Amino acid sequence: MRKKYKRMLEVMALRDPASPAAPADWSVYMLRCGDGSLYTGIAKDVEARLGRHSKGRGAAYTRSRLPLALVHREPGYTRSQALVREAKIKALSRGAKENLLKTGRSARKKAQKP
C-alpha cells in the first residue's frame, strides 16, 4: 500500500466518532474468486457490486478470476470507516482472513512481552 494512502487511512481512523458523520450505509465485503483467492472491497449496494464483478465490469483483479462468491459482509460503515476497515482486512495474512471468514471476527494481535 502506498505510504500516502496509508497515512490518509490512519488520519481517517483517528477522527472523532462523536462528530457529525455521513450516513453509515457502506459495507465491506469479501469475495472468493474462482482460483480460491480472496478479494476485499467496499460498496453501498453489495449485491449490485457483486453483479458488476460477475459480469467482468468490476475490479480488474476479479475479471480473470470468475466465478465469484460473496463470503463475508460487514454493513453499517460510513465511507471513510469502510475504507479504513477494508485496508485493515487487506493487511491481514491469508490465514487471518480465513479465520475472519470462519469466526466473523479478526484475530487481535497478542500483547508483546517486555
N, C-alpha and C. Protein backbone atom coordinates (compact mmCIF):
# COMPACT_ATOMS: atom_id res chain seq x y z
N MET A 1 0.84 -1.17 0.00
CA MET A 1 0.00 0.00 0.00
C MET A 1 0.89 1.24 0.00
N ARG A 2 0.51 2.23 -0.77
CA ARG A 2 1.30 3.45 -0.85
C ARG A 2 1.31 4.17 0.49
N LYS A 3 2.45 4.77 0.80
CA LYS A 3 2.63 5.45 2.07
C LYS A 3 1.61 6.58 2.24
N LYS A 4 1.36 7.34 1.19
CA LYS A 4 0.42 8.46 1.25
C LYS A 4 -1.00 7.95 1.55
N TYR A 5 -1.39 6.88 0.88
CA TYR A 5 -2.72 6.31 1.08
C TYR A 5 -2.86 5.75 2.49
N LYS A 6 -1.82 5.08 2.97
CA LYS A 6 -1.85 4.51 4.32
C LYS A 6 -1.99 5.62 5.36
N ARG A 7 -1.28 6.72 5.17
CA ARG A 7 -1.37 7.83 6.13
C ARG A 7 -2.77 8.43 6.12
N MET A 8 -3.38 8.57 4.94
CA MET A 8 -4.73 9.10 4.85
C MET A 8 -5.70 8.22 5.64
N LEU A 9 -5.57 6.92 5.52
CA LEU A 9 -6.44 6.00 6.24
C LEU A 9 -6.23 6.09 7.75
N GLU A 10 -4.98 6.26 8.17
CA GLU A 10 -4.70 6.40 9.60
C GLU A 10 -5.35 7.65 10.16
N VAL A 11 -5.30 8.75 9.43
CA VAL A 11 -5.92 10.00 9.87
C VAL A 11 -7.44 9.82 9.95
N MET A 12 -8.01 9.17 8.94
CA MET A 12 -9.45 8.93 8.94
C MET A 12 -9.87 8.10 10.14
N ALA A 13 -9.06 7.14 10.52
CA ALA A 13 -9.38 6.26 11.65
C ALA A 13 -9.34 7.02 12.98
N LEU A 14 -8.58 8.09 13.05
CA LEU A 14 -8.44 8.85 14.29
C LEU A 14 -9.51 9.93 14.47
N ARG A 15 -10.33 10.17 13.48
CA ARG A 15 -11.36 11.20 13.58
C ARG A 15 -12.28 10.92 14.76
N ASP A 16 -12.78 11.98 15.33
CA ASP A 16 -13.67 11.90 16.49
C ASP A 16 -14.99 11.24 16.09
N PRO A 17 -15.33 10.08 16.69
CA PRO A 17 -16.58 9.40 16.33
C PRO A 17 -17.82 10.17 16.76
N ALA A 18 -17.68 11.14 17.67
CA ALA A 18 -18.83 11.91 18.13
C ALA A 18 -19.18 13.05 17.18
N SER A 19 -18.27 13.36 16.25
CA SER A 19 -18.54 14.44 15.32
C SER A 19 -19.61 14.02 14.31
N PRO A 20 -20.32 15.01 13.73
CA PRO A 20 -21.34 14.66 12.75
C PRO A 20 -20.71 13.87 11.60
N ALA A 21 -21.33 12.78 11.27
CA ALA A 21 -20.75 11.90 10.25
C ALA A 21 -21.74 11.67 9.13
N ALA A 22 -21.23 11.16 8.05
CA ALA A 22 -22.05 10.77 6.91
C ALA A 22 -22.88 9.55 7.30
N PRO A 23 -23.93 9.26 6.55
CA PRO A 23 -24.73 8.07 6.85
C PRO A 23 -23.89 6.80 6.78
N ALA A 24 -24.20 5.87 7.66
CA ALA A 24 -23.47 4.61 7.73
C ALA A 24 -24.14 3.58 6.81
N ASP A 25 -24.05 3.82 5.51
CA ASP A 25 -24.71 2.93 4.56
C ASP A 25 -23.74 2.19 3.66
N TRP A 26 -22.48 2.12 4.06
CA TRP A 26 -21.47 1.39 3.30
C TRP A 26 -21.19 0.04 3.94
N SER A 27 -20.80 -0.92 3.13
CA SER A 27 -20.43 -2.25 3.62
C SER A 27 -19.04 -2.61 3.12
N VAL A 28 -18.35 -3.40 3.91
CA VAL A 28 -17.09 -4.02 3.50
C VAL A 28 -17.43 -5.46 3.16
N TYR A 29 -16.91 -5.96 2.03
CA TYR A 29 -17.25 -7.31 1.63
C TYR A 29 -16.01 -8.06 1.16
N MET A 30 -16.11 -9.39 1.21
CA MET A 30 -15.05 -10.25 0.68
C MET A 30 -15.66 -11.24 -0.30
N LEU A 31 -14.97 -11.45 -1.40
CA LEU A 31 -15.38 -12.42 -2.40
C LEU A 31 -14.34 -13.52 -2.48
N ARG A 32 -14.80 -14.74 -2.70
CA ARG A 32 -13.88 -15.83 -3.00
C ARG A 32 -13.92 -16.00 -4.52
N CYS A 33 -12.77 -15.88 -5.12
CA CYS A 33 -12.65 -15.97 -6.57
C CYS A 33 -12.56 -17.43 -7.01
N GLY A 34 -12.73 -17.65 -8.31
CA GLY A 34 -12.70 -19.00 -8.86
C GLY A 34 -11.38 -19.72 -8.62
N ASP A 35 -10.29 -18.97 -8.48
CA ASP A 35 -8.99 -19.59 -8.22
C ASP A 35 -8.72 -19.78 -6.73
N GLY A 36 -9.71 -19.45 -5.88
CA GLY A 36 -9.57 -19.61 -4.43
C GLY A 36 -9.04 -18.39 -3.71
N SER A 37 -8.61 -17.38 -4.45
CA SER A 37 -8.11 -16.17 -3.80
C SER A 37 -9.26 -15.35 -3.23
N LEU A 38 -8.93 -14.41 -2.38
CA LEU A 38 -9.93 -13.56 -1.74
C LEU A 38 -9.77 -12.12 -2.21
N TYR A 39 -10.88 -11.45 -2.45
CA TYR A 39 -10.90 -10.06 -2.86
C TYR A 39 -11.73 -9.28 -1.84
N THR A 40 -11.23 -8.14 -1.40
CA THR A 40 -11.94 -7.31 -0.43
C THR A 40 -12.25 -5.97 -1.06
N GLY A 41 -13.47 -5.48 -0.82
CA GLY A 41 -13.87 -4.18 -1.36
C GLY A 41 -14.93 -3.54 -0.49
N ILE A 42 -15.38 -2.35 -0.91
CA ILE A 42 -16.46 -1.65 -0.21
C ILE A 42 -17.53 -1.28 -1.23
N ALA A 43 -18.76 -1.16 -0.76
CA ALA A 43 -19.86 -0.76 -1.64
C ALA A 43 -21.06 -0.35 -0.81
N LYS A 44 -21.91 0.46 -1.39
CA LYS A 44 -23.19 0.79 -0.76
C LYS A 44 -24.18 -0.35 -1.00
N ASP A 45 -24.18 -0.88 -2.21
CA ASP A 45 -25.08 -1.96 -2.60
C ASP A 45 -24.21 -3.16 -3.00
N VAL A 46 -23.98 -4.05 -2.07
CA VAL A 46 -23.06 -5.18 -2.29
C VAL A 46 -23.57 -6.11 -3.39
N GLU A 47 -24.87 -6.37 -3.43
CA GLU A 47 -25.41 -7.27 -4.44
C GLU A 47 -25.19 -6.72 -5.85
N ALA A 48 -25.43 -5.42 -6.02
CA ALA A 48 -25.21 -4.79 -7.33
C ALA A 48 -23.73 -4.82 -7.69
N ARG A 49 -22.88 -4.59 -6.71
CA ARG A 49 -21.43 -4.60 -6.95
C ARG A 49 -20.97 -6.01 -7.33
N LEU A 50 -21.50 -7.02 -6.65
CA LEU A 50 -21.18 -8.41 -6.98
C LEU A 50 -21.61 -8.71 -8.42
N GLY A 51 -22.78 -8.21 -8.81
CA GLY A 51 -23.25 -8.39 -10.18
C GLY A 51 -22.29 -7.80 -11.20
N ARG A 52 -21.77 -6.60 -10.92
CA ARG A 52 -20.79 -5.99 -11.83
C ARG A 52 -19.51 -6.80 -11.87
N HIS A 53 -19.06 -7.26 -10.71
CA HIS A 53 -17.86 -8.11 -10.68
C HIS A 53 -18.08 -9.36 -11.53
N SER A 54 -19.21 -10.00 -11.35
CA SER A 54 -19.50 -11.27 -12.03
C SER A 54 -19.62 -11.11 -13.54
N LYS A 55 -19.99 -9.91 -13.99
CA LYS A 55 -20.09 -9.66 -15.43
C LYS A 55 -18.77 -9.17 -16.03
N GLY A 56 -17.73 -9.13 -15.20
CA GLY A 56 -16.42 -8.69 -15.69
C GLY A 56 -16.28 -7.19 -15.74
N ARG A 57 -17.20 -6.46 -15.10
CA ARG A 57 -17.14 -5.00 -15.09
C ARG A 57 -16.79 -4.45 -13.72
N GLY A 58 -16.28 -5.29 -12.84
CA GLY A 58 -15.86 -4.84 -11.52
C GLY A 58 -14.38 -4.54 -11.53
N ALA A 59 -13.70 -4.88 -10.48
CA ALA A 59 -12.26 -4.64 -10.37
C ALA A 59 -11.49 -5.49 -11.36
N ALA A 60 -10.36 -4.99 -11.81
CA ALA A 60 -9.51 -5.72 -12.74
C ALA A 60 -9.08 -7.06 -12.14
N TYR A 61 -8.86 -7.10 -10.83
CA TYR A 61 -8.42 -8.33 -10.18
C TYR A 61 -9.42 -9.46 -10.37
N THR A 62 -10.71 -9.15 -10.29
CA THR A 62 -11.72 -10.21 -10.33
C THR A 62 -12.09 -10.63 -11.76
N ARG A 63 -11.77 -9.83 -12.75
CA ARG A 63 -12.17 -10.13 -14.13
C ARG A 63 -11.68 -11.47 -14.63
N SER A 64 -10.47 -11.82 -14.29
CA SER A 64 -9.90 -13.08 -14.78
C SER A 64 -9.99 -14.21 -13.76
N ARG A 65 -10.76 -13.99 -12.70
CA ARG A 65 -10.85 -14.99 -11.64
C ARG A 65 -12.30 -15.41 -11.36
N LEU A 66 -13.11 -15.44 -12.39
CA LEU A 66 -14.52 -15.84 -12.26
C LEU A 66 -14.61 -17.35 -12.11
N PRO A 67 -15.63 -17.91 -11.50
CA PRO A 67 -16.78 -17.28 -10.87
C PRO A 67 -16.43 -16.76 -9.48
N LEU A 68 -17.30 -15.91 -8.96
CA LEU A 68 -17.10 -15.27 -7.66
C LEU A 68 -18.22 -15.64 -6.71
N ALA A 69 -17.90 -15.67 -5.43
CA ALA A 69 -18.91 -15.94 -4.40
C ALA A 69 -18.72 -14.96 -3.25
N LEU A 70 -19.81 -14.35 -2.81
CA LEU A 70 -19.76 -13.47 -1.65
C LEU A 70 -19.61 -14.33 -0.40
N VAL A 71 -18.53 -14.12 0.36
CA VAL A 71 -18.28 -14.96 1.53
C VAL A 71 -18.31 -14.18 2.85
N HIS A 72 -18.30 -12.85 2.78
CA HIS A 72 -18.29 -12.06 4.01
C HIS A 72 -18.79 -10.66 3.73
N ARG A 73 -19.58 -10.13 4.68
CA ARG A 73 -20.07 -8.75 4.56
C ARG A 73 -20.16 -8.14 5.94
N GLU A 74 -19.72 -6.90 6.06
CA GLU A 74 -19.82 -6.13 7.29
C GLU A 74 -20.52 -4.81 6.97
N PRO A 75 -21.83 -4.70 7.23
CA PRO A 75 -22.54 -3.46 6.93
C PRO A 75 -22.42 -2.43 8.05
N GLY A 76 -22.92 -1.21 7.77
CA GLY A 76 -23.03 -0.21 8.81
C GLY A 76 -21.86 0.73 8.98
N TYR A 77 -21.12 0.99 7.92
CA TYR A 77 -19.98 1.90 7.99
C TYR A 77 -20.26 3.17 7.21
N THR A 78 -19.60 4.26 7.60
CA THR A 78 -19.54 5.43 6.73
C THR A 78 -18.50 5.09 5.66
N ARG A 79 -18.39 5.90 4.63
CA ARG A 79 -17.43 5.59 3.57
C ARG A 79 -16.00 5.56 4.14
N SER A 80 -15.66 6.54 4.95
CA SER A 80 -14.30 6.59 5.49
C SER A 80 -14.03 5.40 6.43
N GLN A 81 -15.02 5.03 7.24
CA GLN A 81 -14.85 3.86 8.12
C GLN A 81 -14.67 2.59 7.28
N ALA A 82 -15.43 2.49 6.19
CA ALA A 82 -15.33 1.32 5.33
C ALA A 82 -13.95 1.23 4.68
N LEU A 83 -13.41 2.37 4.25
CA LEU A 83 -12.07 2.37 3.66
C LEU A 83 -11.02 1.93 4.67
N VAL A 84 -11.16 2.40 5.90
CA VAL A 84 -10.21 2.01 6.95
C VAL A 84 -10.31 0.51 7.22
N ARG A 85 -11.55 0.00 7.36
CA ARG A 85 -11.75 -1.44 7.63
C ARG A 85 -11.24 -2.28 6.46
N GLU A 86 -11.49 -1.83 5.23
CA GLU A 86 -11.00 -2.55 4.05
C GLU A 86 -9.48 -2.66 4.08
N ALA A 87 -8.81 -1.56 4.40
CA ALA A 87 -7.34 -1.56 4.47
C ALA A 87 -6.85 -2.51 5.54
N LYS A 88 -7.54 -2.55 6.68
CA LYS A 88 -7.13 -3.47 7.76
C LYS A 88 -7.30 -4.92 7.34
N ILE A 89 -8.38 -5.23 6.65
CA ILE A 89 -8.58 -6.61 6.18
C ILE A 89 -7.54 -6.98 5.14
N LYS A 90 -7.27 -6.07 4.22
CA LYS A 90 -6.28 -6.35 3.17
C LYS A 90 -4.89 -6.57 3.76
N ALA A 91 -4.61 -5.96 4.90
CA ALA A 91 -3.30 -6.11 5.54
C ALA A 91 -3.16 -7.44 6.29
N LEU A 92 -4.27 -8.15 6.50
CA LEU A 92 -4.22 -9.43 7.21
C LEU A 92 -3.54 -10.50 6.36
N SER A 93 -2.98 -11.49 7.02
CA SER A 93 -2.42 -12.64 6.32
C SER A 93 -3.56 -13.50 5.78
N ARG A 94 -3.23 -14.40 4.89
CA ARG A 94 -4.25 -15.29 4.32
C ARG A 94 -4.94 -16.09 5.44
N GLY A 95 -4.16 -16.59 6.37
CA GLY A 95 -4.71 -17.37 7.48
C GLY A 95 -5.66 -16.54 8.35
N ALA A 96 -5.29 -15.29 8.60
CA ALA A 96 -6.15 -14.42 9.40
C ALA A 96 -7.44 -14.09 8.65
N LYS A 97 -7.36 -13.96 7.33
CA LYS A 97 -8.57 -13.72 6.54
C LYS A 97 -9.49 -14.94 6.59
N GLU A 98 -8.91 -16.13 6.48
CA GLU A 98 -9.72 -17.35 6.56
C GLU A 98 -10.36 -17.47 7.95
N ASN A 99 -9.62 -17.08 8.99
CA ASN A 99 -10.16 -17.09 10.35
C ASN A 99 -11.32 -16.11 10.47
N LEU A 100 -11.18 -14.95 9.86
CA LEU A 100 -12.26 -13.96 9.84
C LEU A 100 -13.51 -14.55 9.19
N LEU A 101 -13.33 -15.30 8.12
CA LEU A 101 -14.48 -15.92 7.45
C LEU A 101 -15.15 -16.96 8.34
N LYS A 102 -14.34 -17.71 9.10
CA LYS A 102 -14.90 -18.75 9.97
C LYS A 102 -15.60 -18.17 11.19
N THR A 103 -14.98 -17.17 11.80
CA THR A 103 -15.49 -16.65 13.08
C THR A 103 -16.29 -15.36 12.95
N GLY A 104 -16.08 -14.64 11.85
CA GLY A 104 -16.73 -13.35 11.70
C GLY A 104 -16.00 -12.24 12.43
N ARG A 105 -14.84 -12.55 13.03
CA ARG A 105 -14.06 -11.56 13.77
C ARG A 105 -12.60 -11.65 13.37
N SER A 106 -11.92 -10.53 13.40
CA SER A 106 -10.48 -10.51 13.14
C SER A 106 -9.73 -10.95 14.39
N ALA A 107 -8.63 -11.63 14.19
CA ALA A 107 -7.79 -12.01 15.32
C ALA A 107 -7.07 -10.77 15.83
N ARG A 108 -7.03 -10.60 17.15
CA ARG A 108 -6.33 -9.46 17.73
C ARG A 108 -4.86 -9.82 17.90
N LYS A 109 -4.03 -8.80 17.78
CA LYS A 109 -2.58 -9.02 17.99
C LYS A 109 -2.35 -9.34 19.45
N LYS A 110 -1.49 -10.30 19.69
CA LYS A 110 -1.14 -10.66 21.07
C LYS A 110 -0.19 -9.59 21.62
N ALA A 111 -0.38 -9.28 22.90
CA ALA A 111 0.49 -8.30 23.55
C ALA A 111 1.90 -8.85 23.62
N GLN A 112 2.85 -8.01 23.28
CA GLN A 112 4.25 -8.44 23.33
C GLN A 112 4.76 -8.36 24.75
N LYS A 113 5.57 -9.33 25.12
CA LYS A 113 6.16 -9.33 26.47
C LYS A 113 7.32 -8.36 26.50
N PRO A 114 7.45 -7.62 27.61
CA PRO A 114 8.56 -6.63 27.72
C PRO A 114 9.91 -7.30 27.79
